[in-house]
Amino acid sequence: MNRTDRLYALVEELRAVSPRPRSARWLAERFEVSSRTIERDLSALQQSGVPIWAEPGRTGGYSIDPSHTLPPLGLTPDEALAVTVGLGMLASSPFREAAASAVRKVTAVMDARSLQTTAELAARIHFLDDGQARDAPAALGGVLGSGRVLTIAYRDRSGAETVRDVEPLGYVGKGTDWYLIAWCRLRAGVRAFRGDRIVSAEATGERAPQRELRPEDLDIAYGELRAVSIGR
């Protein structure tokens, strides 16, 4: 996470628990940086006008002005349940950390009665899988937004491992499996890389060229692709 993203995430974390404080140590562990880095970030936010203040004492920490928190979401328990179930289905995907963060934000701004009703309903919903962990690397979650070329180490079905530079184009999810769709420079073509076979992934400093991802390029032998859409 770069500093700009961390500053935004700090504000959202304090919003979610306002008016309760968070200690610098807790925030440092949450964002995997030092307490000194967190204190510098909070100071920068304060200087930019964000209403954050420090509460002294053993149980103190940093909090944000409750009047500047986000307004409650106008979600019914059924709508909140649909959101949490949908996000829960991403638990093995490259977006699992963002999904977990989104769930915390949704629940943080719900009123107590709606939250209790949603929690009771959610406790009656379960996911069935085959018990095999097939988590895609969490580092893949932000590659589309970054627009950078990736260097990945990939292990094929026979166990052979190769290192490739790839240009991320999109994702395909099938059950609990997630595939990174990318232009593979090693093979000079579009390839699908199953998430649990990606041993490591590291963004380079090179911006990937614009390429169009067409369903026919994927050569899917069965099933139909369904795109994710966000409507108004």
C-alpha atoms as a PDB file:
ATOM      1  CA  MET A   1       0.000   0.000   0.000  1.00  0.00           C
ATOM      2  CA  ASN A   2       1.478   3.368  -0.995  1.00  0.00           C
ATOM      3  CA  ARG A   3       1.305   6.409   1.286  1.00  0.00           C
ATOM      4  CA  THR A   4      -1.617   8.054  -0.500  1.00  0.00           C
ATOM      5  CA  ASP A   5      -3.728   4.911  -0.169  1.00  0.00           C
ATOM      6  CA  ARG A   6      -2.684   4.540   3.463  1.00  0.00           C
ATOM      7  CA  LEU A   7      -3.698   8.126   4.318  1.00  0.00           C
ATOM      8  CA  TYR A   8      -7.139   7.516   2.846  1.00  0.00           C
ATOM      9  CA  ALA A   9      -7.439   4.168   4.633  1.00  0.00           C
ATOM     10  CA  LEU A  10      -6.437   5.778   7.941  1.00  0.00           C
ATOM     11  CA  VAL A  11      -9.290   8.268   7.683  1.00  0.00           C
ATOM     12  CA  GLU A  12     -11.750   5.500   6.805  1.00  0.00           C
ATOM     13  CA  GLU A  13     -10.551   3.359   9.720  1.00  0.00           C
ATOM     14  CA  LEU A  14     -11.045   6.227  12.178  1.00  0.00           C
ATOM     15  CA  ARG A  15     -14.431   7.014  10.643  1.00  0.00           C
ATOM     16  CA  ALA A  16     -15.550   3.423  11.081  1.00  0.00           C
ATOM     17  CA  VAL A  17     -14.982   3.395  14.853  1.00  0.00           C
ATOM     18  CA  SER A  18     -15.667   7.057  15.666  1.00  0.00           C
ATOM     19  CA  PRO A  19     -15.915   8.374  18.322  1.00  0.00           C
ATOM     20  CA  ARG A  20     -13.778   5.588  19.802  1.00  0.00           C
ATOM     21  CA  PRO A  21     -10.005   6.111  19.452  1.00  0.00           C
ATOM     22  CA  ARG A  22      -7.393   3.917  17.828  1.00  0.00           C
ATOM     23  CA  SER A  23      -3.875   3.802  19.227  1.00  0.00           C
ATOM     24  CA  ALA A  24      -0.847   4.474  17.024  1.00  0.00           C
ATOM     25  CA  ARG A  25       0.407   0.965  17.821  1.00  0.00           C
ATOM     26  CA  TRP A  26      -2.897  -0.626  16.721  1.00  0.00           C
ATOM     27  CA  LEU A  27      -2.904   1.389  13.500  1.00  0.00           C
ATOM     28  CA  ALA A  28       0.736   0.521  12.850  1.00  0.00           C
ATOM     29  CA  GLU A  29      -0.028  -3.201  13.125  1.00  0.00           C
ATOM     30  CA  ARG A  30      -3.124  -2.804  10.973  1.00  0.00           C
ATOM     31  CA  PHE A  31      -1.198  -1.116   8.127  1.00  0.00           C
ATOM     32  CA  GLU A  32       2.094  -2.992   8.674  1.00  0.00           C
ATOM     33  CA  VAL A  33       4.241   0.094   9.220  1.00  0.00           C
ATOM     34  CA  SER A  34       5.990   1.603  12.245  1.00  0.00           C
ATOM     35  CA  SER A  35       4.225   3.681  14.889  1.00  0.00           C
ATOM     36  CA  ARG A  36       6.435   6.599  13.880  1.00  0.00           C
ATOM     37  CA  THR A  37       5.190   6.342  10.293  1.00  0.00           C
ATOM     38  CA  ILE A  38       1.572   6.333  11.525  1.00  0.00           C
ATOM     39  CA  GLU A  39       2.194   9.398  13.664  1.00  0.00           C
ATOM     40  CA  ARG A  40       3.725  11.214  10.694  1.00  0.00           C
ATOM     41  CA  ASP A  41       0.732  10.257   8.540  1.00  0.00           C
ATOM     42  CA  LEU A  42      -1.753  11.452  11.157  1.00  0.00           C
ATOM     43  CA  SER A  43       0.142  14.701  11.549  1.00  0.00           C
ATOM     44  CA  ALA A  44       0.005  15.242   7.786  1.00  0.00           C
ATOM     45  CA  LEU A  45      -3.746  14.624   7.826  1.00  0.00           C
ATOM     46  CA  GLN A  46      -4.223  17.079  10.669  1.00  0.00           C
ATOM     47  CA  GLN A  47      -2.210  19.723   8.841  1.00  0.00           C
ATOM     48  CA  SER A  48      -4.378  19.213   5.758  1.00  0.00           C
ATOM     49  CA  GLY A  49      -7.499  19.999   7.790  1.00  0.00           C
ATOM     50  CA  VAL A  50      -8.816  16.541   8.671  1.00  0.00           C
ATOM     51  CA  PRO A  51     -10.391  16.847  12.170  1.00  0.00           C
ATOM     52  CA  ILE A  52      -8.274  14.219  13.933  1.00  0.00           C
ATOM     53  CA  TRP A  53      -7.168  14.661  17.521  1.00  0.00           C
ATOM     54  CA  ALA A  54      -5.159  12.678  20.052  1.00  0.00           C
ATOM     55  CA  GLU A  55      -6.673  11.485  23.319  1.00  0.00           C
ATOM     56  CA  PRO A  56      -4.055  11.036  26.064  1.00  0.00           C
ATOM     57  CA  GLY A  57      -3.915   8.202  28.556  1.00  0.00           C
ATOM     58  CA  ARG A  58      -3.539   4.436  28.598  1.00  0.00           C
ATOM     59  CA  THR A  59      -6.799   3.890  26.734  1.00  0.00           C
ATOM     60  CA  GLY A  60      -6.352   6.904  24.485  1.00  0.00           C
ATOM     61  CA  GLY A  61      -5.343   7.185  20.883  1.00  0.00           C
ATOM     62  CA  TYR A  62      -6.440   9.031  17.767  1.00  0.00           C
ATOM     63  CA  SER A  63     -10.043   9.766  16.836  1.00  0.00           C
ATOM     64  CA  ILE A  64     -11.893  11.785  14.245  1.00  0.00           C
ATOM     65  CA  ASP A  65     -14.662  14.351  14.751  1.00  0.00           C
ATOM     66  CA  PRO A  66     -17.953  12.377  14.687  1.00  0.00           C
ATOM     67  CA  SER A  67     -19.645  15.207  12.767  1.00  0.00           C
ATOM     68  CA  HIS A  68     -17.313  14.450   9.857  1.00  0.00           C
ATOM     69  CA  THR A  69     -18.080  10.753   9.704  1.00  0.00           C
ATOM     70  CA  LEU A  70     -19.904   9.243   6.750  1.00  0.00           C
ATOM     71  CA  PRO A  71     -23.714   9.257   6.915  1.00  0.00           C
ATOM     72  CA  PRO A  72     -25.403   5.919   7.654  1.00  0.00           C
ATOM     73  CA  LEU A  73     -26.025   3.704   4.664  1.00  0.00           C
ATOM     74  CA  GLY A  74     -29.684   3.466   3.729  1.00  0.00           C
ATOM     75  CA  LEU A  75     -29.565  -0.330   3.507  1.00  0.00           C
ATOM     76  CA  THR A  76     -32.319  -2.621   4.671  1.00  0.00           C
ATOM     77  CA  PRO A  77     -31.214  -5.802   6.504  1.00  0.00           C
ATOM     78  CA  ASP A  78     -31.900  -7.806   3.323  1.00  0.00           C
ATOM     79  CA  GLU A  79     -29.769  -5.417   1.259  1.00  0.00           C
ATOM     80  CA  ALA A  80     -26.973  -5.487   3.838  1.00  0.00           C
ATOM     81  CA  LEU A  81     -27.187  -9.279   3.883  1.00  0.00           C
ATOM     82  CA  ALA A  82     -26.857  -9.412   0.090  1.00  0.00           C
ATOM     83  CA  VAL A  83     -23.798  -7.158   0.245  1.00  0.00           C
ATOM     84  CA  THR A  84     -22.083  -9.185   2.974  1.00  0.00           C
ATOM     85  CA  VAL A  85     -22.873 -12.510   1.272  1.00  0.00           C
ATOM     86  CA  GLY A  86     -21.514 -11.214  -2.020  1.00  0.00           C
ATOM     87  CA  LEU A  87     -18.345  -9.960  -0.370  1.00  0.00           C
ATOM     88  CA  GLY A  88     -18.019 -13.202   1.578  1.00  0.00           C
ATOM     89  CA  MET A  89     -17.896 -15.114  -1.700  1.00  0.00           C
ATOM     90  CA  LEU A  90     -14.638 -13.301  -2.473  1.00  0.00           C
ATOM     91  CA  ALA A  91     -12.811 -14.906   0.453  1.00  0.00           C
ATOM     92  CA  SER A  92     -10.496 -16.922  -1.829  1.00  0.00           C
ATOM     93  CA  SER A  93     -10.188 -14.256  -4.498  1.00  0.00           C
ATOM     94  CA  PRO A  94      -7.480 -11.655  -5.114  1.00  0.00           C
ATOM     95  CA  PHE A  95      -9.932  -9.119  -3.654  1.00  0.00           C
ATOM     96  CA  ARG A  96     -10.373 -10.784  -0.257  1.00  0.00           C
ATOM     97  CA  GLU A  97      -8.615  -8.049   1.747  1.00  0.00           C
ATOM     98  CA  ALA A  98     -10.611  -5.288   0.063  1.00  0.00           C
ATOM     99  CA  ALA A  99     -13.805  -7.327   0.541  1.00  0.00           C
ATOM    100  CA  ALA A 100     -13.129  -7.786   4.254  1.00  0.00           C
ATOM    101  CA  SER A 101     -12.447  -4.060   4.597  1.00  0.00           C
ATOM    102  CA  ALA A 102     -15.681  -3.264   2.769  1.00  0.00           C
ATOM    103  CA  VAL A 103     -17.672  -5.487   5.128  1.00  0.00           C
ATOM    104  CA  ARG A 104     -16.207  -3.647   8.125  1.00  0.00           C
ATOM    105  CA  LYS A 105     -17.226  -0.317   6.606  1.00  0.00           C
ATOM    106  CA  VAL A 106     -20.759  -1.488   5.874  1.00  0.00           C
ATOM    107  CA  THR A 107     -21.289  -2.828   9.389  1.00  0.00           C
ATOM    108  CA  ALA A 108     -19.658   0.212  11.012  1.00  0.00           C
ATOM    109  CA  VAL A 109     -22.292   2.621   9.689  1.00  0.00           C
ATOM    110  CA  MET A 110     -25.377   0.448  10.276  1.00  0.00           C
ATOM    111  CA  ASP A 111     -27.630   1.138  13.232  1.00  0.00           C
ATOM    112  CA  ALA A 112     -27.538  -1.424  16.042  1.00  0.00           C
ATOM    113  CA  ARG A 113     -30.954  -2.961  15.330  1.00  0.00           C
ATOM    114  CA  SER A 114     -30.333  -3.468  11.599  1.00  0.00           C
ATOM    115  CA  LEU A 115     -26.849  -4.823  12.298  1.00  0.00           C
ATOM    116  CA  GLN A 116     -28.218  -7.392  14.753  1.00  0.00           C
ATOM    117  CA  THR A 117     -30.910  -8.506  12.296  1.00  0.00           C
ATOM    118  CA  THR A 118     -28.361  -8.798   9.492  1.00  0.00           C
ATOM    119  CA  ALA A 119     -25.968 -10.771  11.706  1.00  0.00           C
ATOM    120  CA  GLU A 120     -28.735 -13.210  12.683  1.00  0.00           C
ATOM    121  CA  LEU A 121     -29.632 -13.772   9.039  1.00  0.00           C
ATOM    122  CA  ALA A 122     -25.978 -14.119   7.986  1.00  0.00           C
ATOM    123  CA  ALA A 123     -25.441 -16.826  10.625  1.00  0.00           C
ATOM    124  CA  ARG A 124     -27.884 -19.009   8.688  1.00  0.00           C
ATOM    125  CA  ILE A 125     -25.962 -18.794   5.397  1.00  0.00           C
ATOM    126  CA  HIS A 126     -22.995 -21.033   4.630  1.00  0.00           C
ATOM    127  CA  PHE A 127     -20.642 -21.662   1.740  1.00  0.00           C
ATOM    128  CA  LEU A 128     -19.829 -25.202   0.633  1.00  0.00           C
ATOM    129  CA  ASP A 129     -16.438 -25.994  -0.841  1.00  0.00           C
ATOM    130  CA  ASP A 130     -14.249 -29.040  -1.153  1.00  0.00           C
ATOM    131  CA  GLY A 131     -11.949 -28.055   1.690  1.00  0.00           C
ATOM    132  CA  GLN A 132      -8.975 -27.386  -0.553  1.00  0.00           C
ATOM    133  CA  ALA A 133      -7.385 -23.989  -0.053  1.00  0.00           C
ATOM    134  CA  ARG A 134      -7.033 -22.270  -3.413  1.00  0.00           C
ATOM    135  CA  ASP A 135      -6.342 -18.693  -2.464  1.00  0.00           C
ATOM    136  CA  ALA A 136      -5.062 -16.373  -5.154  1.00  0.00           C
ATOM    137  CA  PRO A 137      -2.254 -14.095  -3.923  1.00  0.00           C
ATOM    138  CA  ALA A 138      -3.772 -11.004  -2.288  1.00  0.00           C
ATOM    139  CA  ALA A 139      -1.167  -8.895  -4.107  1.00  0.00           C
ATOM    140  CA  LEU A 140      -3.106  -9.467  -7.325  1.00  0.00           C
ATOM    141  CA  GLY A 141      -6.081  -7.474  -6.047  1.00  0.00           C
ATOM    142  CA  GLY A 142      -4.832  -4.073  -7.137  1.00  0.00           C
ATOM    143  CA  VAL A 143      -3.039  -4.904 -10.365  1.00  0.00           C
ATOM    144  CA  LEU A 144      -5.793  -3.721 -12.688  1.00  0.00           C
ATOM    145  CA  GLY A 145      -5.929  -0.318 -11.035  1.00  0.00           C
ATOM    146  CA  SER A 146      -2.154   0.107 -11.034  1.00  0.00           C
ATOM    147  CA  GLY A 147      -1.848  -0.532 -14.776  1.00  0.00           C
ATOM    148  CA  ARG A 148       1.654  -1.958 -14.288  1.00  0.00           C
ATOM    149  CA  VAL A 149       3.377  -4.919 -15.857  1.00  0.00           C
ATOM    150  CA  LEU A 150       3.733  -7.824 -13.438  1.00  0.00           C
ATOM    151  CA  THR A 151       6.576 -10.255 -13.007  1.00  0.00           C
ATOM    152  CA  ILE A 152       5.095 -13.540 -11.841  1.00  0.00           C
ATOM    153  CA  ALA A 153       6.474 -16.935 -10.959  1.00  0.00           C
ATOM    154  CA  TYR A 154       3.962 -19.480 -12.239  1.00  0.00           C
ATOM    155  CA  ARG A 155       3.755 -23.216 -11.590  1.00  0.00           C
ATOM    156  CA  ASP A 156       1.920 -25.248 -14.228  1.00  0.00           C
ATOM    157  CA  ARG A 157      -0.125 -28.396 -13.620  1.00  0.00           C
ATOM    158  CA  SER A 158       2.972 -30.599 -13.924  1.00  0.00           C
ATOM    159  CA  GLY A 159       4.848 -28.560 -11.311  1.00  0.00           C
ATOM    160  CA  ALA A 160       7.215 -26.815 -13.724  1.00  0.00           C
ATOM    161  CA  GLU A 161       7.841 -23.209 -12.714  1.00  0.00           C
ATOM    162  CA  THR A 162       8.515 -20.282 -15.035  1.00  0.00           C
ATOM    163  CA  VAL A 163       9.056 -16.565 -14.491  1.00  0.00           C
ATOM    164  CA  ARG A 164       7.111 -14.309 -16.845  1.00  0.00           C
ATOM    165  CA  ASP A 165       6.351 -10.661 -17.446  1.00  0.00           C
ATOM    166  CA  VAL A 166       2.621 -10.254 -17.987  1.00  0.00           C
ATOM    167  CA  GLU A 167       0.236  -7.390 -18.737  1.00  0.00           C
ATOM    168  CA  PRO A 168      -2.921  -7.827 -16.592  1.00  0.00           C
ATOM    169  CA  LEU A 169      -6.167  -7.607 -18.574  1.00  0.00           C
ATOM    170  CA  GLY A 170      -8.813  -8.919 -16.194  1.00  0.00           C
ATOM    171  CA  TYR A 171     -10.024 -11.809 -14.062  1.00  0.00           C
ATOM    172  CA  VAL A 172     -12.295 -14.795 -14.472  1.00  0.00           C
ATOM    173  CA  GLY A 173     -13.828 -16.457 -11.428  1.00  0.00           C
ATOM    174  CA  LYS A 174     -15.072 -20.054 -11.514  1.00  0.00           C
ATOM    175  CA  GLY A 175     -16.309 -21.457  -8.236  1.00  0.00           C
ATOM    176  CA  THR A 176     -13.526 -20.920  -5.730  1.00  0.00           C
ATOM    177  CA  ASP A 177     -10.890 -20.641  -8.461  1.00  0.00           C
ATOM    178  CA  TRP A 178      -9.763 -17.279  -9.802  1.00  0.00           C
ATOM    179  CA  TYR A 179      -7.757 -16.738 -12.970  1.00  0.00           C
ATOM    180  CA  LEU A 180      -5.641 -13.739 -13.856  1.00  0.00           C
ATOM    181  CA  ILE A 181      -6.118 -13.021 -17.553  1.00  0.00           C
ATOM    182  CA  ALA A 182      -3.046 -11.346 -18.996  1.00  0.00           C
ATOM    183  CA  TRP A 183      -0.959 -10.835 -22.084  1.00  0.00           C
ATOM    184  CA  CYS A 184       1.998 -13.134 -21.533  1.00  0.00           C
ATOM    185  CA  ARG A 185       5.196 -11.783 -23.033  1.00  0.00           C
ATOM    186  CA  LEU A 186       6.843 -15.187 -22.773  1.00  0.00           C
ATOM    187  CA  ARG A 187       4.143 -16.809 -24.950  1.00  0.00           C
ATOM    188  CA  ALA A 188       3.222 -13.654 -26.921  1.00  0.00           C
ATOM    189  CA  GLY A 189      -0.474 -14.129 -26.335  1.00  0.00           C
ATOM    190  CA  VAL A 190      -3.393 -13.967 -23.911  1.00  0.00           C
ATOM    191  CA  ARG A 191      -3.141 -16.548 -21.134  1.00  0.00           C
ATOM    192  CA  ALA A 192      -5.167 -17.468 -18.035  1.00  0.00           C
ATOM    193  CA  PHE A 193      -3.112 -17.984 -14.859  1.00  0.00           C
ATOM    194  CA  ARG A 194      -4.861 -19.834 -12.043  1.00  0.00           C
ATOM    195  CA  GLY A 195      -4.450 -17.891  -8.838  1.00  0.00           C
ATOM    196  CA  ASP A 196      -3.223 -20.704  -6.597  1.00  0.00           C
ATOM    197  CA  ARG A 197      -0.476 -21.532  -9.120  1.00  0.00           C
ATOM    198  CA  ILE A 198       0.940 -18.011  -9.043  1.00  0.00           C
ATOM    199  CA  VAL A 199       3.825 -18.466  -6.616  1.00  0.00           C
ATOM    200  CA  SER A 200       4.718 -14.776  -6.465  1.00  0.00           C
ATOM    201  CA  ALA A 201       3.721 -11.541  -8.159  1.00  0.00           C
ATOM    202  CA  GLU A 202       5.588  -8.246  -8.188  1.00  0.00           C
ATOM    203  CA  ALA A 203       4.659  -5.061  -9.993  1.00  0.00           C
ATOM    204  CA  THR A 204       7.353  -3.513 -12.153  1.00  0.00           C
ATOM    205  CA  GLY A 205       7.753   0.185 -12.824  1.00  0.00           C
ATOM    206  CA  GLU A 206       6.616  -0.263 -16.419  1.00  0.00           C
ATOM    207  CA  ARG A 207       3.120   0.838 -17.389  1.00  0.00           C
ATOM    208  CA  ALA A 208       1.353  -1.796 -19.468  1.00  0.00           C
ATOM    209  CA  PRO A 209       0.151  -0.791 -22.933  1.00  0.00           C
ATOM    210  CA  GLN A 210      -3.576  -0.594 -23.551  1.00  0.00           C
ATOM    211  CA  ARG A 211      -4.953  -3.885 -24.849  1.00  0.00           C
ATOM    212  CA  GLU A 212      -8.565  -4.891 -25.400  1.00  0.00           C
ATOM    213  CA  LEU A 213      -9.725  -8.089 -23.712  1.00  0.00           C
ATOM    214  CA  ARG A 214     -12.198  -9.922 -25.937  1.00  0.00           C
ATOM    215  CA  PRO A 215     -14.102 -12.986 -24.684  1.00  0.00           C
ATOM    216  CA  GLU A 216     -13.158 -14.894 -27.815  1.00  0.00           C
ATOM    217  CA  ASP A 217      -9.477 -14.493 -26.921  1.00  0.00           C
ATOM    218  CA  LEU A 218     -10.017 -16.672 -23.852  1.00  0.00           C
ATOM    219  CA  ASP A 219     -10.977 -19.796 -25.823  1.00  0.00           C
ATOM    220  CA  ILE A 220     -13.364 -21.050 -23.133  1.00  0.00           C
ATOM    221  CA  ALA A 221     -14.538 -24.538 -24.062  1.00  0.00           C
ATOM    222  CA  TYR A 222     -17.619 -24.573 -21.814  1.00  0.00           C
ATOM    223  CA  GLY A 223     -19.713 -22.162 -19.819  1.00  0.00           C
ATOM    224  CA  GLU A 224     -20.555 -18.549 -20.505  1.00  0.00           C
ATOM    225  CA  LEU A 225     -18.820 -15.439 -19.241  1.00  0.00           C
ATOM    226  CA  ARG A 226     -20.925 -13.091 -17.141  1.00  0.00           C
ATOM    227  CA  ALA A 227     -19.534  -9.604 -16.706  1.00  0.00           C
ATOM    228  CA  VAL A 228     -19.701  -7.670 -13.447  1.00  0.00           C
ATOM    229  CA  SER A 229     -21.574  -4.398 -13.883  1.00  0.00           C
ATOM    230  CA  ILE A 230     -22.252  -1.484 -11.591  1.00  0.00           C
ATOM    231  CA  GLY A 231     -25.482   0.247 -12.489  1.00  0.00           C
ATOM    232  CA  ARG A 232     -27.041   3.467 -11.259  1.00  0.00           C
END
